[in-house]
């Protein structure tokens, strides 16, 4: 879907819209598509281990690391959108907290899993 959207936006001359895909397949590199890359081997090994051990394990959430691979299909936001809205001269809302590991609470700038 991301490839089709990217192609259509390019045909329309819309350089102001960002498109992000998932899986970082070879075609994404060729097309300049920004993607979220997964560690497929680790994902498969984890899935296999869980299937084998599944009957003895309690249900739980497992977070595997991913990497954002920025390419030509994304653009920074326009300056007007980056400015915080203000109320009586003060910024409204609070800055976003960095992502935290759900196991230990450390901040790594993205969700990570402790081992």
C-alpha atoms as a PDB file:
ATOM      1  CA  UNK A   1       0.000   0.000   0.000  1.00  0.00           C
ATOM      2  CA  UNK A   2       2.828   2.381   0.813  1.00  0.00           C
ATOM      3  CA  UNK A   3       4.312   1.920  -2.668  1.00  0.00           C
ATOM      4  CA  UNK A   4       0.995   2.727  -4.341  1.00  0.00           C
ATOM      5  CA  UNK A   5       0.467   5.774  -2.160  1.00  0.00           C
ATOM      6  CA  UNK A   6       3.994   7.000  -2.785  1.00  0.00           C
ATOM      7  CA  UNK A   7       3.620   6.558  -6.551  1.00  0.00           C
ATOM      8  CA  UNK A   8       0.264   8.378  -6.616  1.00  0.00           C
ATOM      9  CA  UNK A   9       1.590  11.274  -4.536  1.00  0.00           C
ATOM     10  CA  UNK A  10       4.608  11.633  -6.805  1.00  0.00           C
ATOM     11  CA  UNK A  11       2.373  11.616  -9.897  1.00  0.00           C
ATOM     12  CA  UNK A  12       0.288  14.371  -8.315  1.00  0.00           C
ATOM     13  CA  UNK A  13       3.413  16.363  -7.489  1.00  0.00           C
ATOM     14  CA  UNK A  14       2.632  16.230  -3.760  1.00  0.00           C
ATOM     15  CA  UNK A  15       5.986  16.550  -2.027  1.00  0.00           C
ATOM     16  CA  UNK A  16       4.350  17.776   1.179  1.00  0.00           C
ATOM     17  CA  UNK A  17       3.024  14.357   2.257  1.00  0.00           C
ATOM     18  CA  UNK A  18       5.205  11.791   4.034  1.00  0.00           C
ATOM     19  CA  UNK A  19       4.804   8.047   3.468  1.00  0.00           C
ATOM     20  CA  UNK A  20       6.237   5.311   5.704  1.00  0.00           C
ATOM     21  CA  UNK A  21       6.157   1.587   5.041  1.00  0.00           C
ATOM     22  CA  UNK A  22       6.962  -1.462   7.141  1.00  0.00           C
ATOM     23  CA  UNK A  23       9.438  -4.351   6.699  1.00  0.00           C
ATOM     24  CA  UNK A  24      12.208  -2.558   4.731  1.00  0.00           C
ATOM     25  CA  UNK A  25      12.006  -4.856   1.713  1.00  0.00           C
ATOM     26  CA  UNK A  26      14.562  -4.359  -1.090  1.00  0.00           C
ATOM     27  CA  UNK A  27      12.040  -2.451  -3.196  1.00  0.00           C
ATOM     28  CA  UNK A  28      11.725   0.152  -0.397  1.00  0.00           C
ATOM     29  CA  UNK A  29      15.410   1.003  -0.739  1.00  0.00           C
ATOM     30  CA  UNK A  30      15.119   1.319  -4.501  1.00  0.00           C
ATOM     31  CA  UNK A  31      11.963   3.472  -4.300  1.00  0.00           C
ATOM     32  CA  UNK A  32      13.361   5.691  -1.523  1.00  0.00           C
ATOM     33  CA  UNK A  33      10.549   4.667   0.853  1.00  0.00           C
ATOM     34  CA  UNK A  34      11.107   5.387   4.539  1.00  0.00           C
ATOM     35  CA  UNK A  35      10.401   2.152   6.431  1.00  0.00           C
ATOM     36  CA  UNK A  36      10.386   0.529   9.824  1.00  0.00           C
ATOM     37  CA  UNK A  37      12.874  -2.356   9.683  1.00  0.00           C
ATOM     38  CA  UNK A  38      12.344  -5.462  11.775  1.00  0.00           C
ATOM     39  CA  UNK A  39      14.933  -8.042  12.746  1.00  0.00           C
ATOM     40  CA  UNK A  40      13.188 -10.862  10.921  1.00  0.00           C
ATOM     41  CA  UNK A  41      15.523 -13.609  12.108  1.00  0.00           C
ATOM     42  CA  UNK A  42      15.033 -12.613  15.748  1.00  0.00           C
ATOM     43  CA  UNK A  43      11.283 -12.349  15.166  1.00  0.00           C
ATOM     44  CA  UNK A  44      11.182 -15.864  13.683  1.00  0.00           C
ATOM     45  CA  UNK A  45      13.370 -17.358  16.406  1.00  0.00           C
ATOM     46  CA  UNK A  46      11.217 -15.758  19.107  1.00  0.00           C
ATOM     47  CA  UNK A  47       8.011 -16.998  17.458  1.00  0.00           C
ATOM     48  CA  UNK A  48       9.432 -20.515  17.153  1.00  0.00           C
ATOM     49  CA  UNK A  49      10.586 -20.555  20.788  1.00  0.00           C
ATOM     50  CA  UNK A  50       7.181 -19.339  21.953  1.00  0.00           C
ATOM     51  CA  UNK A  51       5.406 -22.033  19.927  1.00  0.00           C
ATOM     52  CA  UNK A  52       7.579 -24.756  21.458  1.00  0.00           C
ATOM     53  CA  UNK A  53       7.334 -23.401  25.010  1.00  0.00           C
ATOM     54  CA  UNK A  54       3.818 -21.993  24.600  1.00  0.00           C
ATOM     55  CA  UNK A  55       1.971 -24.496  26.752  1.00  0.00           C
ATOM     56  CA  UNK A  56       4.120 -23.674  29.800  1.00  0.00           C
ATOM     57  CA  UNK A  57       4.376 -19.880  29.461  1.00  0.00           C
ATOM     58  CA  UNK A  58       1.904 -17.336  30.806  1.00  0.00           C
ATOM     59  CA  UNK A  59       0.572 -14.769  28.323  1.00  0.00           C
ATOM     60  CA  UNK A  60       2.847 -11.721  28.074  1.00  0.00           C
ATOM     61  CA  UNK A  61       3.817  -8.901  25.758  1.00  0.00           C
ATOM     62  CA  UNK A  62       7.092  -9.200  23.880  1.00  0.00           C
ATOM     63  CA  UNK A  63       8.660  -6.143  22.287  1.00  0.00           C
ATOM     64  CA  UNK A  64      11.306  -6.684  19.639  1.00  0.00           C
ATOM     65  CA  UNK A  65      13.541  -3.828  18.496  1.00  0.00           C
ATOM     66  CA  UNK A  66      12.848  -2.028  15.230  1.00  0.00           C
ATOM     67  CA  UNK A  67      14.733   0.665  13.340  1.00  0.00           C
ATOM     68  CA  UNK A  68      13.370   3.603  11.391  1.00  0.00           C
ATOM     69  CA  UNK A  69      15.175   3.870   8.054  1.00  0.00           C
ATOM     70  CA  UNK A  70      14.570   7.393   6.801  1.00  0.00           C
ATOM     71  CA  UNK A  71      14.683   7.892   3.041  1.00  0.00           C
ATOM     72  CA  UNK A  72      13.227  10.284   0.460  1.00  0.00           C
ATOM     73  CA  UNK A  73       9.535   9.601   1.167  1.00  0.00           C
ATOM     74  CA  UNK A  74       9.399  11.641   4.367  1.00  0.00           C
ATOM     75  CA  UNK A  75       9.768  15.366   4.991  1.00  0.00           C
ATOM     76  CA  UNK A  76      10.098  17.385   8.177  1.00  0.00           C
ATOM     77  CA  UNK A  77       6.928  19.156   9.250  1.00  0.00           C
ATOM     78  CA  UNK A  78       6.402  22.703   8.125  1.00  0.00           C
ATOM     79  CA  UNK A  79       7.541  25.335  10.627  1.00  0.00           C
ATOM     80  CA  UNK A  80       3.999  26.387  11.532  1.00  0.00           C
ATOM     81  CA  UNK A  81       3.129  22.878  12.678  1.00  0.00           C
ATOM     82  CA  UNK A  82       6.202  22.587  14.885  1.00  0.00           C
ATOM     83  CA  UNK A  83       5.377  25.662  16.956  1.00  0.00           C
ATOM     84  CA  UNK A  84       3.511  24.779  20.158  1.00  0.00           C
ATOM     85  CA  UNK A  85       0.155  26.429  20.491  1.00  0.00           C
ATOM     86  CA  UNK A  86       0.060  29.046  23.212  1.00  0.00           C
ATOM     87  CA  UNK A  87      -2.535  30.262  25.599  1.00  0.00           C
ATOM     88  CA  UNK A  88      -1.895  33.633  27.266  1.00  0.00           C
ATOM     89  CA  UNK A  89       1.727  33.503  26.071  1.00  0.00           C
ATOM     90  CA  UNK A  90       2.434  30.095  27.621  1.00  0.00           C
ATOM     91  CA  UNK A  91       2.898  26.835  25.714  1.00  0.00           C
ATOM     92  CA  UNK A  92      -0.076  24.516  26.136  1.00  0.00           C
ATOM     93  CA  UNK A  93       0.338  20.851  26.837  1.00  0.00           C
ATOM     94  CA  UNK A  94       3.592  19.324  27.920  1.00  0.00           C
ATOM     95  CA  UNK A  95       6.508  17.943  25.922  1.00  0.00           C
ATOM     96  CA  UNK A  96       6.191  14.331  24.928  1.00  0.00           C
ATOM     97  CA  UNK A  97       8.015  11.942  27.214  1.00  0.00           C
ATOM     98  CA  UNK A  98      10.597   9.749  25.519  1.00  0.00           C
ATOM     99  CA  UNK A  99       9.582   6.127  24.996  1.00  0.00           C
ATOM    100  CA  UNK A 100      10.380   3.893  27.928  1.00  0.00           C
ATOM    101  CA  UNK A 101      11.121   0.188  28.200  1.00  0.00           C
ATOM    102  CA  UNK A 102       8.033  -1.509  29.623  1.00  0.00           C
ATOM    103  CA  UNK A 103      10.166  -3.961  31.624  1.00  0.00           C
ATOM    104  CA  UNK A 104      12.597  -1.673  33.450  1.00  0.00           C
ATOM    105  CA  UNK A 105      11.412   1.878  32.697  1.00  0.00           C
ATOM    106  CA  UNK A 106      14.701   3.115  31.237  1.00  0.00           C
ATOM    107  CA  UNK A 107      14.508   5.693  28.487  1.00  0.00           C
ATOM    108  CA  UNK A 108      16.242   4.780  25.252  1.00  0.00           C
ATOM    109  CA  UNK A 109      14.335   7.077  22.912  1.00  0.00           C
ATOM    110  CA  UNK A 110      12.395   4.094  21.582  1.00  0.00           C
ATOM    111  CA  UNK A 111      10.752   1.013  23.097  1.00  0.00           C
ATOM    112  CA  UNK A 112      13.359  -1.578  24.000  1.00  0.00           C
ATOM    113  CA  UNK A 113      13.252  -4.842  25.823  1.00  0.00           C
ATOM    114  CA  UNK A 114      15.568  -5.727  28.729  1.00  0.00           C
ATOM    115  CA  UNK A 115      17.382  -9.003  28.693  1.00  0.00           C
END
